[in-house]
C-alpha cells in the first residue's frame, strides 16, 4: 500500500502498518482530504495500466468503478496518451474537460533542480491562464507548447551529462534512421520535436503520450503566421483543454520513470 501511494506521487507517504488494507487506505485519504492534488493522483494511479500485471484490462475495471463514484462530483478519469488523467464531465455529457494539472509547481520541483527554470515555467502557465480568461486561445495553446518544450529541455539536460556536453543526436521518429542528420543539435537550438522524441527514446515517455505531445507541438507552431495562413485553424477553449490533457499524461510518465530530485 505504501508503494502505491509513492507511485502516486504522495509526499512522505505513510508507512503501512500491516492492518487491514482498505480501512488503512481510507484513513490515509481522510487525513489528506484537503490535498486534492494527491487524491487526484492516487485515483489516477489506481486506474493506471502500469500498476497491474494484466495491464489495461484490470485497470479499465478499476476505472469504471472509480468513475461511478466520481460522477456525482462531476469528474471522470479518462485516458490521454495512454495515461489516466482526471477531467470535468462536460455539461452535455460529451468529452471530458481538462485543465491545468493540479499542484503543478510542487510537481516541477520533483523533476527539476533549477529554481529559475521552475519560475520561468510557472510564469508561462500564469500567462496562459491570462490568455484563456481574455479569450486569447491561440496564444494560450502556444504557451502550453512552450511549457512542454521548457520542461523537457530542463529535465533532459539536468539528468543526461552527454546531452549537456555534446548536444542532442538526431533520434526524430518521423525520419528514417538512415536519413537522420549525423550532427548533434546544440541545447541552444534543439527543436521541440527532437526533445519529445529524445524523451521517448530514453523510455521516459510512452508512445501514446509522445504522439499527443507532438499534437501540442503542432499547435505551438502556429506562433508562425505563415502556418496559420496556410491551415486556417480554429482556436477556442476546447483547443486549450485538449492541450492540457497531454501535459498531464507527460508529467505522469516523467514522474513514473524518473527519480524525484534529490534522491
Foldseek 3Di string as FASTA:
>chain_A
DQVLLVLLVDDPRDDDPPPDDPVVVVVVCVVCVVVVQSVQSSLQSCLAQVVDPVGNVNSVVSQVVVQVVCVVVQKHWDAALRGTGIFGQDPVRDDGFADARPPVLVLLQQQAPDPVLSVVLVVLVVVLVVCQVVFVQLSNLLSLLVSLQSSLLRNCVVVDVCCVVQAAADPQPVDPPVRGDRHHDRSVDDDSSSSLRVCVVVQLADDSLSVLSVVSVVSSVVVDVVVCVVPVDDGGSRSSRSSNNSVVRSSSSNSNPDGTPPD
